PDB file of N, CA and C in Angstrom:
ATOM      1  N   UNK A   1      68.708 -23.334 -82.755  1.00  0.00           N
ATOM      2  CA  UNK A   1      67.419 -23.104 -82.122  1.00  0.00           C
ATOM      3  C   UNK A   1      67.455 -23.522 -80.658  1.00  0.00           C
ATOM      4  N   UNK A   2      68.079 -24.673 -80.354  1.00  0.00           N
ATOM      5  CA  UNK A   2      68.150 -25.136 -78.976  1.00  0.00           C
ATOM      6  C   UNK A   2      68.995 -24.186 -78.129  1.00  0.00           C
ATOM      7  N   UNK A   3      70.051 -23.653 -78.693  1.00  0.00           N
ATOM      8  CA  UNK A   3      70.936 -22.759 -77.960  1.00  0.00           C
ATOM      9  C   UNK A   3      70.201 -21.456 -77.601  1.00  0.00           C
ATOM     10  N   UNK A   4      69.395 -20.923 -78.476  1.00  0.00           N
ATOM     11  CA  UNK A   4      68.635 -19.698 -78.216  1.00  0.00           C
ATOM     12  C   UNK A   4      67.584 -19.954 -77.141  1.00  0.00           C
ATOM     13  N   UNK A   5      66.902 -21.057 -77.182  1.00  0.00           N
ATOM     14  CA  UNK A   5      65.886 -21.417 -76.192  1.00  0.00           C
ATOM     15  C   UNK A   5      66.519 -21.579 -74.812  1.00  0.00           C
ATOM     16  N   UNK A   6      67.666 -22.238 -74.729  1.00  0.00           N
ATOM     17  CA  UNK A   6      68.366 -22.439 -73.471  1.00  0.00           C
ATOM     18  C   UNK A   6      68.769 -21.093 -72.861  1.00  0.00           C
ATOM     19  N   UNK A   7      69.268 -20.181 -73.657  1.00  0.00           N
ATOM     20  CA  UNK A   7      69.670 -18.859 -73.187  1.00  0.00           C
ATOM     21  C   UNK A   7      68.454 -18.102 -72.650  1.00  0.00           C
ATOM     22  N   UNK A   8      67.337 -18.226 -73.300  1.00  0.00           N
ATOM     23  CA  UNK A   8      66.112 -17.559 -72.875  1.00  0.00           C
ATOM     24  C   UNK A   8      65.659 -18.104 -71.519  1.00  0.00           C
ATOM     25  N   UNK A   9      65.725 -19.400 -71.289  1.00  0.00           N
ATOM     26  CA  UNK A   9      65.329 -20.013 -70.018  1.00  0.00           C
ATOM     27  C   UNK A   9      66.270 -19.565 -68.895  1.00  0.00           C
ATOM     28  N   UNK A  10      67.580 -19.500 -69.137  1.00  0.00           N
ATOM     29  CA  UNK A  10      68.532 -19.044 -68.127  1.00  0.00           C
ATOM     30  C   UNK A  10      68.240 -17.597 -67.729  1.00  0.00           C
ATOM     31  N   UNK A  11      67.982 -16.747 -68.687  1.00  0.00           N
ATOM     32  CA  UNK A  11      67.703 -15.342 -68.404  1.00  0.00           C
ATOM     33  C   UNK A  11      66.427 -15.209 -67.590  1.00  0.00           C
ATOM     34  N   UNK A  12      65.408 -15.965 -67.919  1.00  0.00           N
ATOM     35  CA  UNK A  12      64.139 -15.901 -67.198  1.00  0.00           C
ATOM     36  C   UNK A  12      64.312 -16.371 -65.754  1.00  0.00           C
ATOM     37  N   UNK A  13      65.101 -17.396 -65.520  1.00  0.00           N
ATOM     38  CA  UNK A  13      65.350 -17.893 -64.167  1.00  0.00           C
ATOM     39  C   UNK A  13      66.085 -16.854 -63.332  1.00  0.00           C
ATOM     40  N   UNK A  14      67.095 -16.233 -63.883  1.00  0.00           N
ATOM     41  CA  UNK A  14      67.836 -15.197 -63.156  1.00  0.00           C
ATOM     42  C   UNK A  14      66.920 -14.013 -62.866  1.00  0.00           C
ATOM     43  N   UNK A  15      66.070 -13.648 -63.814  1.00  0.00           N
ATOM     44  CA  UNK A  15      65.131 -12.547 -63.617  1.00  0.00           C
ATOM     45  C   UNK A  15      64.179 -12.861 -62.469  1.00  0.00           C
ATOM     46  N   UNK A  16      63.653 -14.058 -62.388  1.00  0.00           N
ATOM     47  CA  UNK A  16      62.736 -14.438 -61.316  1.00  0.00           C
ATOM     48  C   UNK A  16      63.427 -14.414 -59.952  1.00  0.00           C
ATOM     49  N   UNK A  17      64.663 -14.861 -59.875  1.00  0.00           N
ATOM     50  CA  UNK A  17      65.396 -14.864 -58.607  1.00  0.00           C
ATOM     51  C   UNK A  17      65.665 -13.433 -58.156  1.00  0.00           C
ATOM     52  N   UNK A  18      66.135 -12.594 -59.035  1.00  0.00           N
ATOM     53  CA  UNK A  18      66.454 -11.210 -58.695  1.00  0.00           C
ATOM     54  C   UNK A  18      65.182 -10.452 -58.316  1.00  0.00           C
ATOM     55  N   UNK A  19      64.099 -10.711 -59.001  1.00  0.00           N
ATOM     56  CA  UNK A  19      62.845 -10.023 -58.729  1.00  0.00           C
ATOM     57  C   UNK A  19      62.277 -10.396 -57.361  1.00  0.00           C
ATOM     58  N   UNK A  20      62.528 -11.593 -56.868  1.00  0.00           N
ATOM     59  CA  UNK A  20      61.970 -12.032 -55.601  1.00  0.00           C
ATOM     60  C   UNK A  20      62.821 -11.642 -54.396  1.00  0.00           C
ATOM     61  N   UNK A  21      64.038 -11.171 -54.586  1.00  0.00           N
ATOM     62  CA  UNK A  21      64.888 -10.732 -53.485  1.00  0.00           C
ATOM     63  C   UNK A  21      64.502  -9.305 -53.119  1.00  0.00           C
ATOM     64  N   UNK A  22      64.217  -9.085 -51.820  1.00  0.00           N
ATOM     65  CA  UNK A  22      63.791  -7.766 -51.366  1.00  0.00           C
ATOM     66  C   UNK A  22      64.777  -7.218 -50.349  1.00  0.00           C
ATOM     67  N   UNK A  23      64.938  -5.917 -50.342  1.00  0.00           N
ATOM     68  CA  UNK A  23      65.822  -5.254 -49.388  1.00  0.00           C
ATOM     69  C   UNK A  23      65.118  -5.210 -48.034  1.00  0.00           C
ATOM     70  N   UNK A  24      65.621  -5.947 -47.059  1.00  0.00           N
ATOM     71  CA  UNK A  24      65.025  -5.982 -45.715  1.00  0.00           C
ATOM     72  C   UNK A  24      65.944  -5.329 -44.694  1.00  0.00           C
ATOM     73  N   UNK A  25      66.799  -4.413 -45.152  1.00  0.00           N
ATOM     74  CA  UNK A  25      67.648  -3.705 -44.197  1.00  0.00           C
ATOM     75  C   UNK A  25      66.758  -2.792 -43.358  1.00  0.00           C
ATOM     76  N   UNK A  26      67.138  -2.581 -42.097  1.00  0.00           N
ATOM     77  CA  UNK A  26      66.305  -1.763 -41.235  1.00  0.00           C
ATOM     78  C   UNK A  26      67.121  -1.171 -40.096  1.00  0.00           C
ATOM     79  N   UNK A  27      66.572  -0.114 -39.502  1.00  0.00           N
ATOM     80  CA  UNK A  27      67.093   0.486 -38.279  1.00  0.00           C
ATOM     81  C   UNK A  27      65.939   0.481 -37.297  1.00  0.00           C
ATOM     82  N   UNK A  28      66.162  -0.056 -36.107  1.00  0.00           N
ATOM     83  CA  UNK A  28      65.083  -0.140 -35.120  1.00  0.00           C
ATOM     84  C   UNK A  28      65.568   0.378 -33.776  1.00  0.00           C
ATOM     85  N   UNK A  29      64.773   1.247 -33.172  1.00  0.00           N
ATOM     86  CA  UNK A  29      64.999   1.686 -31.797  1.00  0.00           C
ATOM     87  C   UNK A  29      64.301   0.654 -30.921  1.00  0.00           C
ATOM     88  N   UNK A  30      65.057  -0.306 -30.428  1.00  0.00           N
ATOM     89  CA  UNK A  30      64.513  -1.477 -29.737  1.00  0.00           C
ATOM     90  C   UNK A  30      64.083  -1.151 -28.307  1.00  0.00           C
ATOM     91  N   UNK A  31      64.929  -0.490 -27.526  1.00  0.00           N
ATOM     92  CA  UNK A  31      64.608  -0.152 -26.134  1.00  0.00           C
ATOM     93  C   UNK A  31      65.065   1.266 -25.832  1.00  0.00           C
ATOM     94  N   UNK A  32      64.255   1.982 -25.061  1.00  0.00           N
ATOM     95  CA  UNK A  32      64.614   3.322 -24.627  1.00  0.00           C
ATOM     96  C   UNK A  32      64.046   3.528 -23.234  1.00  0.00           C
ATOM     97  N   UNK A  33      64.882   4.003 -22.311  1.00  0.00           N
ATOM     98  CA  UNK A  33      64.426   4.334 -20.963  1.00  0.00           C
ATOM     99  C   UNK A  33      64.925   5.727 -20.614  1.00  0.00           C
ATOM    100  N   UNK A  34      64.005   6.574 -20.188  1.00  0.00           N
ATOM    101  CA  UNK A  34      64.330   7.925 -19.742  1.00  0.00           C
ATOM    102  C   UNK A  34      63.806   8.077 -18.321  1.00  0.00           C
ATOM    103  N   UNK A  35      64.620   8.635 -17.441  1.00  0.00           N
ATOM    104  CA  UNK A  35      64.190   8.811 -16.064  1.00  0.00           C
ATOM    105  C   UNK A  35      64.683  10.118 -15.488  1.00  0.00           C
ATOM    106  N   UNK A  36      63.992  10.547 -14.425  1.00  0.00           N
ATOM    107  CA  UNK A  36      64.377  11.772 -13.736  1.00  0.00           C
ATOM    108  C   UNK A  36      64.199  11.548 -12.245  1.00  0.00           C
ATOM    109  N   UNK A  37      65.248  11.804 -11.491  1.00  0.00           N
ATOM    110  CA  UNK A  37      65.188  11.710 -10.039  1.00  0.00           C
ATOM    111  C   UNK A  37      64.960  13.106  -9.476  1.00  0.00           C
ATOM    112  N   UNK A  38      63.917  13.235  -8.684  1.00  0.00           N
ATOM    113  CA  UNK A  38      63.601  14.529  -8.102  1.00  0.00           C
ATOM    114  C   UNK A  38      64.699  14.952  -7.130  1.00  0.00           C
ATOM    115  N   UNK A  39      64.973  16.255  -7.044  1.00  0.00           N
ATOM    116  CA  UNK A  39      65.997  16.719  -6.112  1.00  0.00           C
ATOM    117  C   UNK A  39      65.629  16.356  -4.662  1.00  0.00           C
ATOM    118  N   UNK A  40      66.633  16.014  -3.876  1.00  0.00           N
ATOM    119  CA  UNK A  40      66.423  15.582  -2.494  1.00  0.00           C
ATOM    120  C   UNK A  40      65.772  16.686  -1.644  1.00  0.00           C
ATOM    121  N   UNK A  41      66.024  17.929  -1.997  1.00  0.00           N
ATOM    122  CA  UNK A  41      65.432  19.058  -1.270  1.00  0.00           C
ATOM    123  C   UNK A  41      63.906  18.983  -1.321  1.00  0.00           C
ATOM    124  N   UNK A  42      63.357  18.544  -2.452  1.00  0.00           N
ATOM    125  CA  UNK A  42      61.903  18.444  -2.608  1.00  0.00           C
ATOM    126  C   UNK A  42      61.333  17.264  -1.834  1.00  0.00           C
ATOM    127  N   UNK A  43      62.066  16.151  -1.801  1.00  0.00           N
ATOM    128  CA  UNK A  43      61.519  14.916  -1.232  1.00  0.00           C
ATOM    129  C   UNK A  43      61.720  14.789   0.268  1.00  0.00           C
ATOM    130  N   UNK A  44      62.746  15.414   0.839  1.00  0.00           N
ATOM    131  CA  UNK A  44      63.003  15.229   2.273  1.00  0.00           C
ATOM    132  C   UNK A  44      61.949  15.904   3.131  1.00  0.00           C
ATOM    133  N   UNK A  45      61.215  16.869   2.596  1.00  0.00           N
ATOM    134  CA  UNK A  45      60.120  17.498   3.342  1.00  0.00           C
ATOM    135  C   UNK A  45      59.003  16.495   3.640  1.00  0.00           C
ATOM    136  N   UNK A  46      58.845  15.482   2.771  1.00  0.00           N
ATOM    137  CA  UNK A  46      57.820  14.447   2.951  1.00  0.00           C
ATOM    138  C   UNK A  46      58.419  13.169   3.539  1.00  0.00           C
ATOM    139  N   UNK A  47      59.618  13.246   4.089  1.00  0.00           N
ATOM    140  CA  UNK A  47      60.327  12.083   4.653  1.00  0.00           C
ATOM    141  C   UNK A  47      60.516  10.967   3.631  1.00  0.00           C
ATOM    142  N   UNK A  48      60.783  11.348   2.397  1.00  0.00           N
ATOM    143  CA  UNK A  48      61.058  10.392   1.318  1.00  0.00           C
ATOM    144  C   UNK A  48      62.513  10.605   0.907  1.00  0.00           C
ATOM    145  N   UNK A  49      63.272   9.515   0.827  1.00  0.00           N
ATOM    146  CA  UNK A  49      64.693   9.669   0.495  1.00  0.00           C
ATOM    147  C   UNK A  49      64.935   9.823  -1.005  1.00  0.00           C
ATOM    148  N   UNK A  50      64.082   9.210  -1.824  1.00  0.00           N
ATOM    149  CA  UNK A  50      64.326   9.275  -3.268  1.00  0.00           C
ATOM    150  C   UNK A  50      63.033   9.030  -4.043  1.00  0.00           C
ATOM    151  N   UNK A  51      62.807   9.847  -5.095  1.00  0.00           N
ATOM    152  CA  UNK A  51      61.668   9.659  -6.004  1.00  0.00           C
ATOM    153  C   UNK A  51      62.195   9.743  -7.427  1.00  0.00           C
ATOM    154  N   UNK A  52      61.884   8.723  -8.184  1.00  0.00           N
ATOM    155  CA  UNK A  52      62.324   8.682  -9.584  1.00  0.00           C
ATOM    156  C   UNK A  52      61.119   8.422 -10.476  1.00  0.00           C
ATOM    157  N   UNK A  53      60.967   9.248 -11.508  1.00  0.00           N
ATOM    158  CA  UNK A  53      59.908   9.095 -12.505  1.00  0.00           C
ATOM    159  C   UNK A  53      60.578   8.610 -13.781  1.00  0.00           C
ATOM    160  N   UNK A  54      59.967   7.630 -14.457  1.00  0.00           N
ATOM    161  CA  UNK A  54      60.611   7.115 -15.663  1.00  0.00           C
ATOM    162  C   UNK A  54      59.602   6.736 -16.742  1.00  0.00           C
ATOM    163  N   UNK A  55      60.110   6.703 -17.957  1.00  0.00           N
ATOM    164  CA  UNK A  55      59.389   6.215 -19.133  1.00  0.00           C
ATOM    165  C   UNK A  55      60.268   5.159 -19.790  1.00  0.00           C
ATOM    166  N   UNK A  56      59.657   4.074 -20.218  1.00  0.00           N
ATOM    167  CA  UNK A  56      60.377   3.030 -20.933  1.00  0.00           C
ATOM    168  C   UNK A  56      59.548   2.627 -22.153  1.00  0.00           C
ATOM    169  N   UNK A  57      60.229   2.423 -23.260  1.00  0.00           N
ATOM    170  CA  UNK A  57      59.524   2.023 -24.474  1.00  0.00           C
ATOM    171  C   UNK A  57      60.283   0.958 -25.244  1.00  0.00           C
ATOM    172  N   UNK A  58      59.559   0.061 -25.875  1.00  0.00           N
ATOM    173  CA  UNK A  58      60.131  -1.005 -26.710  1.00  0.00           C
ATOM    174  C   UNK A  58      59.578  -0.888 -28.122  1.00  0.00           C
ATOM    175  N   UNK A  59      60.454  -1.089 -29.113  1.00  0.00           N
ATOM    176  CA  UNK A  59      60.079  -1.059 -30.535  1.00  0.00           C
ATOM    177  C   UNK A  59      59.387   0.251 -30.907  1.00  0.00           C
ATOM    178  N   UNK A  60      60.005   1.354 -30.519  1.00  0.00           N
ATOM    179  CA  UNK A  60      59.400   2.664 -30.738  1.00  0.00           C
ATOM    180  C   UNK A  60      59.514   3.157 -32.170  1.00  0.00           C
ATOM    181  N   UNK A  61      60.544   2.730 -32.898  1.00  0.00           N
ATOM    182  CA  UNK A  61      60.787   3.269 -34.233  1.00  0.00           C
ATOM    183  C   UNK A  61      61.435   2.207 -35.114  1.00  0.00           C
ATOM    184  N   UNK A  62      60.943   2.078 -36.331  1.00  0.00           N
ATOM    185  CA  UNK A  62      61.568   1.202 -37.328  1.00  0.00           C
ATOM    186  C   UNK A  62      61.624   1.954 -38.650  1.00  0.00           C
ATOM    187  N   UNK A  63      62.832   2.099 -39.179  1.00  0.00           N
ATOM    188  CA  UNK A  63      63.036   2.733 -40.485  1.00  0.00           C
ATOM    189  C   UNK A  63      63.505   1.669 -41.461  1.00  0.00           C
ATOM    190  N   UNK A  64      62.744   1.453 -42.525  1.00  0.00           N
ATOM    191  CA  UNK A  64      63.085   0.419 -43.495  1.00  0.00           C
ATOM    192  C   UNK A  64      62.374   0.658 -44.829  1.00  0.00           C
ATOM    193  N   UNK A  65      62.995   0.247 -45.933  1.00  0.00           N
ATOM    194  CA  UNK A  65      62.292   0.287 -47.214  1.00  0.00           C
ATOM    195  C   UNK A  65      61.436  -0.970 -47.434  1.00  0.00           C
ATOM    196  N   UNK A  66      61.513  -1.916 -46.517  1.00  0.00           N
ATOM    197  CA  UNK A  66      60.795  -3.197 -46.622  1.00  0.00           C
ATOM    198  C   UNK A  66      59.288  -2.957 -46.568  1.00  0.00           C
ATOM    199  N   UNK A  67      58.560  -3.565 -47.492  1.00  0.00           N
ATOM    200  CA  UNK A  67      57.119  -3.353 -47.595  1.00  0.00           C
ATOM    201  C   UNK A  67      56.299  -4.336 -46.762  1.00  0.00           C
ATOM    202  N   UNK A  68      56.935  -5.373 -46.202  1.00  0.00           N
ATOM    203  CA  UNK A  68      56.217  -6.358 -45.405  1.00  0.00           C
ATOM    204  C   UNK A  68      55.900  -5.828 -44.013  1.00  0.00           C
ATOM    205  N   UNK A  69      55.363  -6.710 -43.164  1.00  0.00           N
ATOM    206  CA  UNK A  69      54.992  -6.297 -41.815  1.00  0.00           C
ATOM    207  C   UNK A  69      56.191  -5.998 -40.934  1.00  0.00           C
ATOM    208  N   UNK A  70      57.213  -6.862 -40.953  1.00  0.00           N
ATOM    209  CA  UNK A  70      58.348  -6.694 -40.054  1.00  0.00           C
ATOM    210  C   UNK A  70      59.600  -7.277 -40.707  1.00  0.00           C
ATOM    211  N   UNK A  71      60.629  -6.463 -40.943  1.00  0.00           N
ATOM    212  CA  UNK A  71      61.831  -6.970 -41.612  1.00  0.00           C
ATOM    213  C   UNK A  71      62.666  -7.904 -40.726  1.00  0.00           C
ATOM    214  N   UNK A  72      62.421  -7.904 -39.420  1.00  0.00           N
ATOM    215  CA  UNK A  72      63.205  -8.733 -38.506  1.00  0.00           C
ATOM    216  C   UNK A  72      62.645 -10.145 -38.384  1.00  0.00           C
ATOM    217  N   UNK A  73      61.417 -10.327 -38.754  1.00  0.00           N
ATOM    218  CA  UNK A  73      60.795 -11.655 -38.661  1.00  0.00           C
ATOM    219  C   UNK A  73      60.778 -12.299 -40.040  1.00  0.00           C
ATOM    220  N   UNK A  74      61.070 -13.564 -40.065  1.00  0.00           N
ATOM    221  CA  UNK A  74      61.051 -14.266 -41.351  1.00  0.00           C
ATOM    222  C   UNK A  74      59.925 -15.289 -41.353  1.00  0.00           C
ATOM    223  N   UNK A  75      59.625 -15.787 -42.503  1.00  0.00           N
ATOM    224  CA  UNK A  75      58.568 -16.779 -42.625  1.00  0.00           C
ATOM    225  C   UNK A  75      58.452 -17.239 -44.052  1.00  0.00           C
ATOM    226  N   UNK A  76      57.714 -18.315 -44.219  1.00  0.00           N
ATOM    227  CA  UNK A  76      57.552 -18.860 -45.566  1.00  0.00           C
ATOM    228  C   UNK A  76      56.211 -18.490 -46.180  1.00  0.00           C
ATOM    229  N   UNK A  77      55.401 -17.685 -45.478  1.00  0.00           N
ATOM    230  CA  UNK A  77      54.134 -17.240 -46.038  1.00  0.00           C
ATOM    231  C   UNK A  77      52.961 -18.115 -45.680  1.00  0.00           C
ATOM    232  N   UNK A  78      53.207 -19.283 -45.064  1.00  0.00           N
ATOM    233  CA  UNK A  78      52.099 -20.170 -44.714  1.00  0.00           C
ATOM    234  C   UNK A  78      51.436 -19.780 -43.394  1.00  0.00           C
ATOM    235  N   UNK A  79      52.171 -19.169 -42.484  1.00  0.00           N
ATOM    236  CA  UNK A  79      51.633 -18.782 -41.195  1.00  0.00           C
ATOM    237  C   UNK A  79      51.521 -17.268 -41.118  1.00  0.00           C
ATOM    238  N   UNK A  80      50.595 -16.805 -40.298  1.00  0.00           N
ATOM    239  CA  UNK A  80      50.475 -15.357 -40.087  1.00  0.00           C
ATOM    240  C   UNK A  80      51.639 -14.890 -39.222  1.00  0.00           C
ATOM    241  N   UNK A  81      52.336 -13.882 -39.671  1.00  0.00           N
ATOM    242  CA  UNK A  81      53.461 -13.330 -38.924  1.00  0.00           C
ATOM    243  C   UNK A  81      53.131 -11.875 -38.639  1.00  0.00           C
ATOM    244  N   UNK A  82      53.068 -11.537 -37.368  1.00  0.00           N
ATOM    245  CA  UNK A  82      52.682 -10.197 -36.961  1.00  0.00           C
ATOM    246  C   UNK A  82      53.911  -9.374 -36.600  1.00  0.00           C
ATOM    247  N   UNK A  83      53.827  -8.065 -36.761  1.00  0.00           N
ATOM    248  CA  UNK A  83      54.954  -7.216 -36.363  1.00  0.00           C
ATOM    249  C   UNK A  83      55.106  -7.216 -34.842  1.00  0.00           C
ATOM    250  N   UNK A  84      56.262  -6.816 -34.370  1.00  0.00           N
ATOM    251  CA  UNK A  84      56.507  -6.778 -32.936  1.00  0.00           C
ATOM    252  C   UNK A  84      55.702  -5.655 -32.288  1.00  0.00           C
ATOM    253  N   UNK A  85      55.230  -5.912 -31.078  1.00  0.00           N
ATOM    254  CA  UNK A  85      54.402  -4.933 -30.371  1.00  0.00           C
ATOM    255  C   UNK A  85      55.206  -3.711 -29.959  1.00  0.00           C
ATOM    256  N   UNK A  86      54.569  -2.582 -29.984  1.00  0.00           N
ATOM    257  CA  UNK A  86      55.148  -1.352 -29.461  1.00  0.00           C
ATOM    258  C   UNK A  86      54.623  -1.220 -28.031  1.00  0.00           C
ATOM    259  N   UNK A  87      55.530  -1.070 -27.076  1.00  0.00           N
ATOM    260  CA  UNK A  87      55.155  -1.066 -25.663  1.00  0.00           C
ATOM    261  C   UNK A  87      55.631   0.228 -25.011  1.00  0.00           C
ATOM    262  N   UNK A  88      54.727   0.870 -24.257  1.00  0.00           N
ATOM    263  CA  UNK A  88      55.046   2.072 -23.491  1.00  0.00           C
ATOM    264  C   UNK A  88      54.832   1.759 -22.009  1.00  0.00           C
ATOM    265  N   UNK A  89      55.788   2.156 -21.165  1.00  0.00           N
ATOM    266  CA  UNK A  89      55.657   1.973 -19.719  1.00  0.00           C
ATOM    267  C   UNK A  89      56.046   3.266 -19.020  1.00  0.00           C
ATOM    268  N   UNK A  90      55.255   3.629 -18.028  1.00  0.00           N
ATOM    269  CA  UNK A  90      55.546   4.781 -17.188  1.00  0.00           C
ATOM    270  C   UNK A  90      55.614   4.282 -15.753  1.00  0.00           C
ATOM    271  N   UNK A  91      56.491   4.867 -14.962  1.00  0.00           N
ATOM    272  CA  UNK A  91      56.610   4.389 -13.597  1.00  0.00           C
ATOM    273  C   UNK A  91      57.096   5.435 -12.629  1.00  0.00           C
ATOM    274  N   UNK A  92      56.978   5.069 -11.357  1.00  0.00           N
ATOM    275  CA  UNK A  92      57.386   5.922 -10.261  1.00  0.00           C
ATOM    276  C   UNK A  92      58.058   5.034  -9.215  1.00  0.00           C
ATOM    277  N   UNK A  93      59.308   5.313  -8.897  1.00  0.00           N
ATOM    278  CA  UNK A  93      60.034   4.601  -7.844  1.00  0.00           C
ATOM    279  C   UNK A  93      60.152   5.524  -6.633  1.00  0.00           C
ATOM    280  N   UNK A  94      59.710   5.031  -5.483  1.00  0.00           N
ATOM    281  CA  UNK A  94      59.761   5.817  -4.266  1.00  0.00           C
ATOM    282  C   UNK A  94      60.523   5.030  -3.203  1.00  0.00           C
ATOM    283  N   UNK A  95      61.506   5.658  -2.591  1.00  0.00           N
ATOM    284  CA  UNK A  95      62.260   5.048  -1.492  1.00  0.00           C
ATOM    285  C   UNK A  95      62.078   5.885  -0.236  1.00  0.00           C
ATOM    286  N   UNK A  96      61.755   5.205   0.875  1.00  0.00           N
ATOM    287  CA  UNK A  96      61.542   5.904   2.156  1.00  0.00           C
ATOM    288  C   UNK A  96      62.759   5.769   3.039  1.00  0.00           C
TER     289      UNK A  96
END
């Protein structure tokens, strides 16, 4: 009787450990910058040597089977843990 009870407790412990492990694998597009420099023929008419237009983004895409907020952040559940911000930036660089 003791041997059967012990086996049952071991199985239940392994089941609880396996059940609490979650797949947190992920793919994240962390940084992306795209830019275009206008041709010099267009800019020299306005006495501008260079004009560059650009877009920059952070945390644009995350692919994961993880059901939580963010697979990259860890925590023990006592504090609020927020996902990383998605940031978009647009800009214009002008050189005279």
